């Protein structure tokens, strides 16, 4: 008997009519193999959907909506936090017995112990022994010792001028000393340790530069032989040098005249009437031009010039020369 109220027409999926079991009676046409297959298909379909709504066709790039009632599964790996500019590292999650954080390393004693700041030095600066303007035998020794090690390119004069100050600065800079140009105790001790005691010839050479070969006009008689090239004066008698000294000449606007002359006047304490300047131990040889001592030359060296005279900076030497030269002695000025 067919149940017409259920909406089932009594046919199976292949169009065969079957009889519905309404009272526990056996079906009229049992087909157990086909029913098992149908039941298996239904079970497989249920497993394939996972019991959840499936994704729509063509929407594979869209992530499925999250279920609000279910907690997210734990991540299989943990990413360590980024510190500074270091790259992030992937670290495994700690096990059940692992500590949650590694203990901080124990700092070394040097890292934790604060070192005291150095106290400012309270020692007084070294005492200055020689400076610009000083004039003594110690200055002469300073110059000779500086020359031994290549810092002073001239012969010692005993006067502490700008050339000596520059030489001291050069020495101080090379030895990492305070560069002042003055010779203090520290500079002097360092110089003494690096040099030897100067000889008499080193302390008092005849001139700053070597005396030039004499002009042939200087080889006979008593001659003041004056070389503009070497800037030296040689007092010669019959071709032999009696004494020599450094000299300075006039500027390009007031040049010292060249040629052969004679000493025509000697004036020990002369004062220039034209320039109102002292001209001690003057030996006049051409008009108002003379050989004489110059305090400016002694103080400033070759940084200046005369008004045409032949300046001498060694006062003792020019004083001795003044006493030896006679009126009428020859004077030769040459390059």
C-alpha atoms as a PDB file:
ATOM      1  CA  UNK A   1       0.000   0.000   0.000  1.00  0.00           C
ATOM      2  CA  UNK A   2       1.394   3.422  -0.947  1.00  0.00           C
ATOM      3  CA  UNK A   3       1.336   6.414   1.380  1.00  0.00           C
ATOM      4  CA  UNK A   4       0.121   9.198  -0.858  1.00  0.00           C
ATOM      5  CA  UNK A   5       0.202  11.890   1.855  1.00  0.00           C
ATOM      6  CA  UNK A   6       3.994  11.856   2.272  1.00  0.00           C
ATOM      7  CA  UNK A   7       4.733  13.211  -1.202  1.00  0.00           C
ATOM      8  CA  UNK A   8       6.835  10.176  -2.103  1.00  0.00           C
ATOM      9  CA  UNK A   9       5.671   8.429  -5.192  1.00  0.00           C
ATOM     10  CA  UNK A  10       7.118   5.048  -4.308  1.00  0.00           C
ATOM     11  CA  UNK A  11       9.899   5.152  -6.883  1.00  0.00           C
ATOM     12  CA  UNK A  12      13.624   4.869  -6.159  1.00  0.00           C
ATOM     13  CA  UNK A  13      16.331   7.014  -7.693  1.00  0.00           C
ATOM     14  CA  UNK A  14      16.392   4.880 -10.886  1.00  0.00           C
ATOM     15  CA  UNK A  15      12.652   5.034 -11.548  1.00  0.00           C
ATOM     16  CA  UNK A  16      11.739   1.586 -10.065  1.00  0.00           C
ATOM     17  CA  UNK A  17       8.683   1.369  -7.940  1.00  0.00           C
ATOM     18  CA  UNK A  18       9.204   0.242  -4.362  1.00  0.00           C
ATOM     19  CA  UNK A  19       6.803  -0.445  -1.592  1.00  0.00           C
ATOM     20  CA  UNK A  20       7.045   1.668   1.586  1.00  0.00           C
ATOM     21  CA  UNK A  21       7.307  -0.287   4.765  1.00  0.00           C
ATOM     22  CA  UNK A  22       4.463   0.912   6.874  1.00  0.00           C
ATOM     23  CA  UNK A  23       3.960  -1.779   9.353  1.00  0.00           C
ATOM     24  CA  UNK A  24       7.306  -3.421   9.781  1.00  0.00           C
ATOM     25  CA  UNK A  25       6.529  -5.697   6.827  1.00  0.00           C
ATOM     26  CA  UNK A  26       9.238  -6.532   4.370  1.00  0.00           C
ATOM     27  CA  UNK A  27       9.280  -4.474   1.198  1.00  0.00           C
ATOM     28  CA  UNK A  28       7.821  -6.024  -1.872  1.00  0.00           C
ATOM     29  CA  UNK A  29      10.962  -5.540  -3.934  1.00  0.00           C
ATOM     30  CA  UNK A  30      14.023  -5.325  -1.647  1.00  0.00           C
ATOM     31  CA  UNK A  31      17.166  -3.876  -3.314  1.00  0.00           C
ATOM     32  CA  UNK A  32      19.724  -3.750  -0.462  1.00  0.00           C
ATOM     33  CA  UNK A  33      22.793  -3.058  -2.701  1.00  0.00           C
ATOM     34  CA  UNK A  34      21.397   0.126  -4.183  1.00  0.00           C
ATOM     35  CA  UNK A  35      20.243   1.413  -0.773  1.00  0.00           C
ATOM     36  CA  UNK A  36      23.721   0.951   0.756  1.00  0.00           C
ATOM     37  CA  UNK A  37      25.258   2.858  -2.139  1.00  0.00           C
ATOM     38  CA  UNK A  38      22.840   5.750  -1.682  1.00  0.00           C
ATOM     39  CA  UNK A  39      23.513   5.879   2.050  1.00  0.00           C
ATOM     40  CA  UNK A  40      27.296   5.937   1.391  1.00  0.00           C
ATOM     41  CA  UNK A  41      26.956   8.847  -1.026  1.00  0.00           C
ATOM     42  CA  UNK A  42      24.993  10.824   1.526  1.00  0.00           C
ATOM     43  CA  UNK A  43      27.653  10.160   4.228  1.00  0.00           C
ATOM     44  CA  UNK A  44      30.515  11.183   1.960  1.00  0.00           C
ATOM     45  CA  UNK A  45      28.750  14.419   1.051  1.00  0.00           C
ATOM     46  CA  UNK A  46      28.347  15.247   4.730  1.00  0.00           C
ATOM     47  CA  UNK A  47      32.001  14.603   5.446  1.00  0.00           C
ATOM     48  CA  UNK A  48      33.103  16.710   2.465  1.00  0.00           C
ATOM     49  CA  UNK A  49      31.218  19.802   3.669  1.00  0.00           C
ATOM     50  CA  UNK A  50      32.570  19.463   7.225  1.00  0.00           C
ATOM     51  CA  UNK A  51      29.156  20.213   8.561  1.00  0.00           C
ATOM     52  CA  UNK A  52      29.711  23.936   7.729  1.00  0.00           C
ATOM     53  CA  UNK A  53      28.597  26.187   4.863  1.00  0.00           C
ATOM     54  CA  UNK A  54      30.848  25.634   1.857  1.00  0.00           C
ATOM     55  CA  UNK A  55      32.667  28.330  -0.069  1.00  0.00           C
ATOM     56  CA  UNK A  56      30.943  29.641  -3.119  1.00  0.00           C
ATOM     57  CA  UNK A  57      32.358  28.721  -6.488  1.00  0.00           C
ATOM     58  CA  UNK A  58      34.831  31.309  -7.719  1.00  0.00           C
ATOM     59  CA  UNK A  59      35.536  32.821  -4.256  1.00  0.00           C
ATOM     60  CA  UNK A  60      38.680  30.801  -3.385  1.00  0.00           C
ATOM     61  CA  UNK A  61      40.797  34.026  -2.687  1.00  0.00           C
ATOM     62  CA  UNK A  62      38.395  35.280   0.005  1.00  0.00           C
ATOM     63  CA  UNK A  63      39.040  33.866   3.487  1.00  0.00           C
ATOM     64  CA  UNK A  64      36.042  32.145   5.132  1.00  0.00           C
ATOM     65  CA  UNK A  65      34.273  34.140   7.843  1.00  0.00           C
ATOM     66  CA  UNK A  66      35.502  33.430  11.367  1.00  0.00           C
ATOM     67  CA  UNK A  67      33.161  31.752  13.803  1.00  0.00           C
ATOM     68  CA  UNK A  68      32.482  34.073  16.752  1.00  0.00           C
ATOM     69  CA  UNK A  69      31.994  31.263  19.268  1.00  0.00           C
ATOM     70  CA  UNK A  70      35.200  29.315  18.592  1.00  0.00           C
ATOM     71  CA  UNK A  71      38.686  30.399  19.831  1.00  0.00           C
ATOM     72  CA  UNK A  72      41.497  30.597  17.294  1.00  0.00           C
ATOM     73  CA  UNK A  73      43.929  27.727  17.235  1.00  0.00           C
ATOM     74  CA  UNK A  74      47.361  28.446  18.708  1.00  0.00           C
ATOM     75  CA  UNK A  75      50.105  29.418  16.247  1.00  0.00           C
ATOM     76  CA  UNK A  76      52.709  26.710  15.724  1.00  0.00           C
ATOM     77  CA  UNK A  77      55.574  29.248  16.019  1.00  0.00           C
ATOM     78  CA  UNK A  78      56.232  32.500  17.952  1.00  0.00           C
ATOM     79  CA  UNK A  79      57.961  35.543  16.509  1.00  0.00           C
ATOM     80  CA  UNK A  80      60.391  37.287  18.843  1.00  0.00           C
ATOM     81  CA  UNK A  81      59.879  41.039  19.242  1.00  0.00           C
ATOM     82  CA  UNK A  82      62.071  43.354  17.204  1.00  0.00           C
ATOM     83  CA  UNK A  83      64.574  45.400  19.239  1.00  0.00           C
ATOM     84  CA  UNK A  84      66.511  48.317  17.789  1.00  0.00           C
ATOM     85  CA  UNK A  85      67.440  47.681  14.166  1.00  0.00           C
ATOM     86  CA  UNK A  86      67.878  43.925  14.551  1.00  0.00           C
ATOM     87  CA  UNK A  87      65.997  41.553  12.282  1.00  0.00           C
ATOM     88  CA  UNK A  88      63.045  39.646  13.872  1.00  0.00           C
ATOM     89  CA  UNK A  89      63.753  36.084  14.855  1.00  0.00           C
ATOM     90  CA  UNK A  90      61.342  33.148  14.879  1.00  0.00           C
ATOM     91  CA  UNK A  91      61.501  31.303  18.182  1.00  0.00           C
ATOM     92  CA  UNK A  92      59.650  28.074  19.139  1.00  0.00           C
ATOM     93  CA  UNK A  93      57.015  28.339  21.844  1.00  0.00           C
ATOM     94  CA  UNK A  94      58.281  27.428  25.293  1.00  0.00           C
ATOM     95  CA  UNK A  95      57.550  23.917  26.516  1.00  0.00           C
ATOM     96  CA  UNK A  96      55.566  23.124  29.630  1.00  0.00           C
ATOM     97  CA  UNK A  97      58.637  23.154  31.866  1.00  0.00           C
ATOM     98  CA  UNK A  98      60.540  26.009  30.138  1.00  0.00           C
ATOM     99  CA  UNK A  99      60.680  29.398  31.911  1.00  0.00           C
ATOM    100  CA  UNK A 100      58.657  32.192  30.377  1.00  0.00           C
ATOM    101  CA  UNK A 101      61.667  34.576  30.213  1.00  0.00           C
ATOM    102  CA  UNK A 102      65.410  34.026  30.178  1.00  0.00           C
ATOM    103  CA  UNK A 103      67.237  35.434  33.218  1.00  0.00           C
ATOM    104  CA  UNK A 104      69.142  38.692  32.593  1.00  0.00           C
ATOM    105  CA  UNK A 105      72.926  38.209  32.243  1.00  0.00           C
ATOM    106  CA  UNK A 106      75.001  39.251  35.218  1.00  0.00           C
ATOM    107  CA  UNK A 107      76.962  42.410  34.293  1.00  0.00           C
ATOM    108  CA  UNK A 108      80.704  42.370  34.729  1.00  0.00           C
ATOM    109  CA  UNK A 109      82.214  44.399  37.591  1.00  0.00           C
ATOM    110  CA  UNK A 110      83.781  46.806  35.105  1.00  0.00           C
ATOM    111  CA  UNK A 111      80.372  47.580  33.585  1.00  0.00           C
ATOM    112  CA  UNK A 112      78.586  48.223  36.878  1.00  0.00           C
ATOM    113  CA  UNK A 113      81.312  49.978  38.826  1.00  0.00           C
ATOM    114  CA  UNK A 114      81.283  53.687  38.043  1.00  0.00           C
ATOM    115  CA  UNK A 115      84.761  55.101  37.578  1.00  0.00           C
ATOM    116  CA  UNK A 116      85.376  58.433  39.255  1.00  0.00           C
ATOM    117  CA  UNK A 117      85.929  61.366  36.941  1.00  0.00           C
ATOM    118  CA  UNK A 118      89.519  62.642  36.887  1.00  0.00           C
ATOM    119  CA  UNK A 119      90.068  65.652  39.045  1.00  0.00           C
ATOM    120  CA  UNK A 120      91.259  68.820  37.305  1.00  0.00           C
ATOM    121  CA  UNK A 121      94.956  69.447  37.589  1.00  0.00           C
ATOM    122  CA  UNK A 122      95.891  72.084  40.102  1.00  0.00           C
ATOM    123  CA  UNK A 123      99.624  72.143  39.233  1.00  0.00           C
ATOM    124  CA  UNK A 124     100.918  75.588  38.250  1.00  0.00           C
ATOM    125  CA  UNK A 125     102.095  76.084  34.650  1.00  0.00           C
ATOM    126  CA  UNK A 126     105.829  75.629  34.004  1.00  0.00           C
ATOM    127  CA  UNK A 127     107.952  78.688  34.718  1.00  0.00           C
ATOM    128  CA  UNK A 128     109.071  80.631  31.655  1.00  0.00           C
ATOM    129  CA  UNK A 129     112.865  80.884  31.399  1.00  0.00           C
ATOM    130  CA  UNK A 130     113.261  82.781  28.104  1.00  0.00           C
ATOM    131  CA  UNK A 131     110.905  84.685  25.849  1.00  0.00           C
ATOM    132  CA  UNK A 132     110.887  87.217  23.008  1.00  0.00           C
ATOM    133  CA  UNK A 133     113.147  90.126  23.971  1.00  0.00           C
ATOM    134  CA  UNK A 134     115.473  88.077  26.175  1.00  0.00           C
ATOM    135  CA  UNK A 135     119.218  88.467  25.515  1.00  0.00           C
ATOM    136  CA  UNK A 136     121.773  86.285  27.285  1.00  0.00           C
ATOM    137  CA  UNK A 137     124.270  83.456  26.925  1.00  0.00           C
ATOM    138  CA  UNK A 138     121.475  81.026  27.752  1.00  0.00           C
ATOM    139  CA  UNK A 139     119.558  82.268  24.691  1.00  0.00           C
ATOM    140  CA  UNK A 140     122.693  81.642  22.652  1.00  0.00           C
ATOM    141  CA  UNK A 141     122.859  78.091  24.025  1.00  0.00           C
ATOM    142  CA  UNK A 142     119.144  77.613  23.267  1.00  0.00           C
ATOM    143  CA  UNK A 143     119.734  78.635  19.663  1.00  0.00           C
ATOM    144  CA  UNK A 144     122.781  76.370  19.325  1.00  0.00           C
ATOM    145  CA  UNK A 145     120.905  73.361  20.715  1.00  0.00           C
ATOM    146  CA  UNK A 146     117.906  74.017  18.462  1.00  0.00           C
ATOM    147  CA  UNK A 147     120.274  74.183  15.503  1.00  0.00           C
ATOM    148  CA  UNK A 148     121.753  70.776  16.414  1.00  0.00           C
ATOM    149  CA  UNK A 149     118.357  69.111  15.807  1.00  0.00           C
ATOM    150  CA  UNK A 150     117.318  71.180  12.792  1.00  0.00           C
ATOM    151  CA  UNK A 151     114.906  73.715  14.304  1.00  0.00           C
ATOM    152  CA  UNK A 152     117.145  76.800  14.056  1.00  0.00           C
ATOM    153  CA  UNK A 153     118.708  77.470  10.658  1.00  0.00           C
ATOM    154  CA  UNK A 154     121.058  80.282  11.669  1.00  0.00           C
ATOM    155  CA  UNK A 155     124.063  80.855  13.857  1.00  0.00           C
ATOM    156  CA  UNK A 156     123.374  81.827  17.473  1.00  0.00           C
ATOM    157  CA  UNK A 157     123.174  85.538  18.245  1.00  0.00           C
ATOM    158  CA  UNK A 158     122.159  85.489  21.916  1.00  0.00           C
ATOM    159  CA  UNK A 159     119.029  87.529  21.188  1.00  0.00           C
ATOM    160  CA  UNK A 160     115.529  85.968  21.476  1.00  0.00           C
ATOM    161  CA  UNK A 161     113.733  87.425  18.439  1.00  0.00           C
ATOM    162  CA  UNK A 162     110.938  86.262  16.151  1.00  0.00           C
ATOM    163  CA  UNK A 163     113.164  83.690  14.432  1.00  0.00           C
ATOM    164  CA  UNK A 164     114.016  82.065  17.764  1.00  0.00           C
ATOM    165  CA  UNK A 165     110.363  82.117  18.859  1.00  0.00           C
ATOM    166  CA  UNK A 166     109.336  80.365  15.634  1.00  0.00           C
ATOM    167  CA  UNK A 167     112.055  77.744  16.164  1.00  0.00           C
ATOM    168  CA  UNK A 168     110.807  77.094  19.708  1.00  0.00           C
ATOM    169  CA  UNK A 169     107.221  76.736  18.442  1.00  0.00           C
ATOM    170  CA  UNK A 170     108.388  74.201  15.873  1.00  0.00           C
ATOM    171  CA  UNK A 171     110.179  72.195  18.568  1.00  0.00           C
ATOM    172  CA  UNK A 172     107.201  72.326  20.945  1.00  0.00           C
ATOM    173  CA  UNK A 173     104.719  71.227  18.284  1.00  0.00           C
ATOM    174  CA  UNK A 174     106.834  68.232  17.280  1.00  0.00           C
ATOM    175  CA  UNK A 175     107.257  67.116  20.905  1.00  0.00           C
ATOM    176  CA  UNK A 176     103.556  67.560  21.828  1.00  0.00           C
ATOM    177  CA  UNK A 177     104.325  70.423  24.205  1.00  0.00           C
ATOM    178  CA  UNK A 178     102.164  73.545  24.608  1.00  0.00           C
ATOM    179  CA  UNK A 179     103.022  75.691  21.587  1.00  0.00           C
ATOM    180  CA  UNK A 180     103.767  79.121  23.052  1.00  0.00           C
ATOM    181  CA  UNK A 181     107.030  80.251  21.454  1.00  0.00           C
ATOM    182  CA  UNK A 182     108.428  80.916  24.925  1.00  0.00           C
ATOM    183  CA  UNK A 183     110.951  78.561  26.507  1.00  0.00           C
ATOM    184  CA  UNK A 184     109.532  77.251  29.772  1.00  0.00           C
ATOM    185  CA  UNK A 185     111.061  74.688  32.129  1.00  0.00           C
ATOM    186  CA  UNK A 186     109.378  71.709  30.411  1.00  0.00           C
ATOM    187  CA  UNK A 187     110.586  72.788  26.952  1.00  0.00           C
ATOM    188  CA  UNK A 188     114.099  73.434  28.233  1.00  0.00           C
ATOM    189  CA  UNK A 189     114.346  70.032  29.981  1.00  0.00           C
ATOM    190  CA  UNK A 190     113.183  68.225  26.842  1.00  0.00           C
ATOM    191  CA  UNK A 191     115.702  70.120  24.701  1.00  0.00           C
ATOM    192  CA  UNK A 192     118.566  69.373  27.103  1.00  0.00           C
ATOM    193  CA  UNK A 193     117.721  65.663  27.016  1.00  0.00           C
ATOM    194  CA  UNK A 194     117.862  65.566  23.215  1.00  0.00           C
ATOM    195  CA  UNK A 195     121.023  67.618  22.573  1.00  0.00           C
ATOM    196  CA  UNK A 196     124.644  67.911  23.694  1.00  0.00           C
ATOM    197  CA  UNK A 197     126.553  70.817  25.170  1.00  0.00           C
ATOM    198  CA  UNK A 198     127.409  73.210  22.280  1.00  0.00           C
ATOM    199  CA  UNK A 199     131.048  73.837  21.446  1.00  0.00           C
ATOM    200  CA  UNK A 200     132.586  77.322  21.469  1.00  0.00           C
ATOM    201  CA  UNK A 201     132.482  77.422  17.655  1.00  0.00           C
ATOM    202  CA  UNK A 202     128.777  76.491  17.714  1.00  0.00           C
ATOM    203  CA  UNK A 203     127.995  79.189  20.258  1.00  0.00           C
ATOM    204  CA  UNK A 204     129.923  82.013  18.576  1.00  0.00           C
ATOM    205  CA  UNK A 205     130.377  81.439  14.858  1.00  0.00           C
ATOM    206  CA  UNK A 206     131.631  84.450  12.937  1.00  0.00           C
ATOM    207  CA  UNK A 207     128.419  84.967  10.932  1.00  0.00           C
ATOM    208  CA  UNK A 208     124.921  83.633  10.608  1.00  0.00           C
ATOM    209  CA  UNK A 209     125.712  82.341   7.111  1.00  0.00           C
ATOM    210  CA  UNK A 210     128.999  81.207   5.610  1.00  0.00           C
ATOM    211  CA  UNK A 211     131.228  84.051   4.528  1.00  0.00           C
ATOM    212  CA  UNK A 212     131.239  84.458   0.756  1.00  0.00           C
ATOM    213  CA  UNK A 213     134.344  83.920  -1.308  1.00  0.00           C
ATOM    214  CA  UNK A 214     136.048  87.325  -1.384  1.00  0.00           C
ATOM    215  CA  UNK A 215     135.940  89.507  -4.455  1.00  0.00           C
ATOM    216  CA  UNK A 216     139.333  89.783  -6.154  1.00  0.00           C
ATOM    217  CA  UNK A 217     139.410  93.467  -5.211  1.00  0.00           C
ATOM    218  CA  UNK A 218     139.502  92.415  -1.554  1.00  0.00           C
ATOM    219  CA  UNK A 219     142.713  90.362  -1.778  1.00  0.00           C
ATOM    220  CA  UNK A 220     145.228  93.187  -1.351  1.00  0.00           C
ATOM    221  CA  UNK A 221     145.617  95.672   1.472  1.00  0.00           C
ATOM    222  CA  UNK A 222     143.207  96.560   4.253  1.00  0.00           C
ATOM    223  CA  UNK A 223     139.645  96.060   3.004  1.00  0.00           C
ATOM    224  CA  UNK A 224     136.084  95.979   4.324  1.00  0.00           C
ATOM    225  CA  UNK A 225     134.812  93.224   1.941  1.00  0.00           C
ATOM    226  CA  UNK A 226     130.989  93.361   1.947  1.00  0.00           C
ATOM    227  CA  UNK A 227     128.918  90.708   0.088  1.00  0.00           C
ATOM    228  CA  UNK A 228     125.251  91.388  -0.658  1.00  0.00           C
ATOM    229  CA  UNK A 229     124.792  87.777  -1.705  1.00  0.00           C
ATOM    230  CA  UNK A 230     125.859  86.178   1.594  1.00  0.00           C
ATOM    231  CA  UNK A 231     124.966  89.288   3.665  1.00  0.00           C
ATOM    232  CA  UNK A 232     128.300  89.227   5.425  1.00  0.00           C
ATOM    233  CA  UNK A 233     131.147  91.659   6.056  1.00  0.00           C
ATOM    234  CA  UNK A 234     134.736  90.346   6.205  1.00  0.00           C
ATOM    235  CA  UNK A 235     137.485  92.567   7.566  1.00  0.00           C
ATOM    236  CA  UNK A 236     140.516  91.447   5.570  1.00  0.00           C
ATOM    237  CA  UNK A 237     144.223  92.318   5.628  1.00  0.00           C
ATOM    238  CA  UNK A 238     146.313  91.111   2.684  1.00  0.00           C
ATOM    239  CA  UNK A 239     143.769  88.455   1.681  1.00  0.00           C
ATOM    240  CA  UNK A 240     143.232  87.014   5.190  1.00  0.00           C
ATOM    241  CA  UNK A 241     139.965  87.309   7.135  1.00  0.00           C
ATOM    242  CA  UNK A 242     140.547  88.998  10.486  1.00  0.00           C
ATOM    243  CA  UNK A 243     136.879  89.077  11.554  1.00  0.00           C
ATOM    244  CA  UNK A 244     133.446  88.578   9.980  1.00  0.00           C
ATOM    245  CA  UNK A 245     129.905  89.626  10.885  1.00  0.00           C
ATOM    246  CA  UNK A 246     126.329  89.649   9.605  1.00  0.00           C
ATOM    247  CA  UNK A 247     125.129  92.778   7.818  1.00  0.00           C
ATOM    248  CA  UNK A 248     121.886  94.186   6.458  1.00  0.00           C
ATOM    249  CA  UNK A 249     121.399  96.576   3.547  1.00  0.00           C
ATOM    250  CA  UNK A 250     119.039  99.262   2.326  1.00  0.00           C
ATOM    251  CA  UNK A 251     115.640  98.590   0.783  1.00  0.00           C
ATOM    252  CA  UNK A 252     114.822  98.826  -2.921  1.00  0.00           C
ATOM    253  CA  UNK A 253     113.843 102.481  -2.405  1.00  0.00           C
ATOM    254  CA  UNK A 254     117.063 103.335  -0.521  1.00  0.00           C
ATOM    255  CA  UNK A 255     119.589 100.803  -1.851  1.00  0.00           C
ATOM    256  CA  UNK A 256     123.141 100.444  -0.619  1.00  0.00           C
ATOM    257  CA  UNK A 257     125.501 101.556  -3.359  1.00  0.00           C
ATOM    258  CA  UNK A 258     127.872  99.011  -4.882  1.00  0.00           C
ATOM    259  CA  UNK A 259     131.475  99.544  -5.917  1.00  0.00           C
ATOM    260  CA  UNK A 260     134.876 100.400  -4.453  1.00  0.00           C
ATOM    261  CA  UNK A 261     135.057 103.175  -1.829  1.00  0.00           C
ATOM    262  CA  UNK A 262     137.231 104.470   1.024  1.00  0.00           C
ATOM    263  CA  UNK A 263     136.453 105.184   4.678  1.00  0.00           C
ATOM    264  CA  UNK A 264     136.482 108.982   4.852  1.00  0.00           C
ATOM    265  CA  UNK A 265     135.024 109.578   8.340  1.00  0.00           C
ATOM    266  CA  UNK A 266     134.692 107.729  11.636  1.00  0.00           C
ATOM    267  CA  UNK A 267     132.037 108.714  14.242  1.00  0.00           C
ATOM    268  CA  UNK A 268     131.779 106.583  17.423  1.00  0.00           C
ATOM    269  CA  UNK A 269     128.491 107.964  18.816  1.00  0.00           C
ATOM    270  CA  UNK A 270     126.917 109.265  15.674  1.00  0.00           C
ATOM    271  CA  UNK A 271     123.221 110.210  15.396  1.00  0.00           C
ATOM    272  CA  UNK A 272     121.581 110.612  11.984  1.00  0.00           C
ATOM    273  CA  UNK A 273     120.536 114.201  11.336  1.00  0.00           C
ATOM    274  CA  UNK A 274     118.214 113.042   8.535  1.00  0.00           C
ATOM    275  CA  UNK A 275     116.362 110.251  10.404  1.00  0.00           C
ATOM    276  CA  UNK A 276     117.227 111.202  14.008  1.00  0.00           C
ATOM    277  CA  UNK A 277     118.338 107.660  14.823  1.00  0.00           C
ATOM    278  CA  UNK A 278     121.516 106.463  16.607  1.00  0.00           C
ATOM    279  CA  UNK A 279     124.352 105.161  14.385  1.00  0.00           C
ATOM    280  CA  UNK A 280     127.024 103.949  16.863  1.00  0.00           C
ATOM    281  CA  UNK A 281     130.514 103.082  15.523  1.00  0.00           C
ATOM    282  CA  UNK A 282     129.809 104.643  12.129  1.00  0.00           C
ATOM    283  CA  UNK A 283     132.388 104.219   9.345  1.00  0.00           C
ATOM    284  CA  UNK A 284     131.259 106.466   6.456  1.00  0.00           C
ATOM    285  CA  UNK A 285     132.321 105.353   2.968  1.00  0.00           C
ATOM    286  CA  UNK A 286     129.835 106.934   0.442  1.00  0.00           C
ATOM    287  CA  UNK A 287     127.993 110.174   1.208  1.00  0.00           C
ATOM    288  CA  UNK A 288     125.643 109.478   4.112  1.00  0.00           C
ATOM    289  CA  UNK A 289     126.070 105.682   3.879  1.00  0.00           C
ATOM    290  CA  UNK A 290     128.160 104.029   6.558  1.00  0.00           C
ATOM    291  CA  UNK A 291     128.899 100.734   8.283  1.00  0.00           C
ATOM    292  CA  UNK A 292     127.428 100.985  11.836  1.00  0.00           C
ATOM    293  CA  UNK A 293     125.692  99.099  14.660  1.00  0.00           C
ATOM    294  CA  UNK A 294     121.871  98.778  14.400  1.00  0.00           C
ATOM    295  CA  UNK A 295     119.718  97.977  17.429  1.00  0.00           C
ATOM    296  CA  UNK A 296     116.766  97.331  15.100  1.00  0.00           C
ATOM    297  CA  UNK A 297     118.774  94.748  13.153  1.00  0.00           C
ATOM    298  CA  UNK A 298     119.756  93.068  16.431  1.00  0.00           C
ATOM    299  CA  UNK A 299     116.096  92.894  17.515  1.00  0.00           C
ATOM    300  CA  UNK A 300     114.244  92.111  14.281  1.00  0.00           C
ATOM    301  CA  UNK A 301     116.832  90.507  12.030  1.00  0.00           C
ATOM    302  CA  UNK A 302     116.270  90.601   8.310  1.00  0.00           C
ATOM    303  CA  UNK A 303     112.622  91.547   8.686  1.00  0.00           C
ATOM    304  CA  UNK A 304     113.566  95.176   8.105  1.00  0.00           C
ATOM    305  CA  UNK A 305     116.074  97.192   6.094  1.00  0.00           C
ATOM    306  CA  UNK A 306     118.294 100.221   6.444  1.00  0.00           C
ATOM    307  CA  UNK A 307     118.099 103.564   4.639  1.00  0.00           C
ATOM    308  CA  UNK A 308     121.177 102.616   2.616  1.00  0.00           C
ATOM    309  CA  UNK A 309     123.724 101.970   5.353  1.00  0.00           C
ATOM    310  CA  UNK A 310     125.408  98.646   6.089  1.00  0.00           C
ATOM    311  CA  UNK A 311     123.877  97.571   9.427  1.00  0.00           C
ATOM    312  CA  UNK A 312     125.761  95.292  11.860  1.00  0.00           C
ATOM    313  CA  UNK A 313     123.865  93.540  14.700  1.00  0.00           C
ATOM    314  CA  UNK A 314     126.838  92.308  16.776  1.00  0.00           C
ATOM    315  CA  UNK A 315     127.742  95.316  18.873  1.00  0.00           C
ATOM    316  CA  UNK A 316     131.005  93.896  20.260  1.00  0.00           C
ATOM    317  CA  UNK A 317     132.309  92.977  16.836  1.00  0.00           C
ATOM    318  CA  UNK A 318     131.530  96.317  15.219  1.00  0.00           C
ATOM    319  CA  UNK A 319     133.076  98.131  18.189  1.00  0.00           C
ATOM    320  CA  UNK A 320     136.289  96.150  17.708  1.00  0.00           C
ATOM    321  CA  UNK A 321     136.135  96.813  13.965  1.00  0.00           C
ATOM    322  CA  UNK A 322     135.748 100.555  14.574  1.00  0.00           C
ATOM    323  CA  UNK A 323     138.965 100.561  16.591  1.00  0.00           C
ATOM    324  CA  UNK A 324     140.935  98.693  13.896  1.00  0.00           C
ATOM    325  CA  UNK A 325     139.792 100.436  10.701  1.00  0.00           C
ATOM    326  CA  UNK A 326     141.614 103.582   9.639  1.00  0.00           C
ATOM    327  CA  UNK A 327     140.507 106.472   7.528  1.00  0.00           C
ATOM    328  CA  UNK A 328     141.440 105.671   3.925  1.00  0.00           C
ATOM    329  CA  UNK A 329     140.965 101.901   4.193  1.00  0.00           C
ATOM    330  CA  UNK A 330     139.227 100.361   1.185  1.00  0.00           C
ATOM    331  CA  UNK A 331     135.526  99.364   1.151  1.00  0.00           C
ATOM    332  CA  UNK A 332     134.235  96.934  -1.522  1.00  0.00           C
ATOM    333  CA  UNK A 333     130.481  96.310  -1.845  1.00  0.00           C
ATOM    334  CA  UNK A 334     129.553  93.572  -4.348  1.00  0.00           C
ATOM    335  CA  UNK A 335     127.108  90.764  -5.137  1.00  0.00           C
END
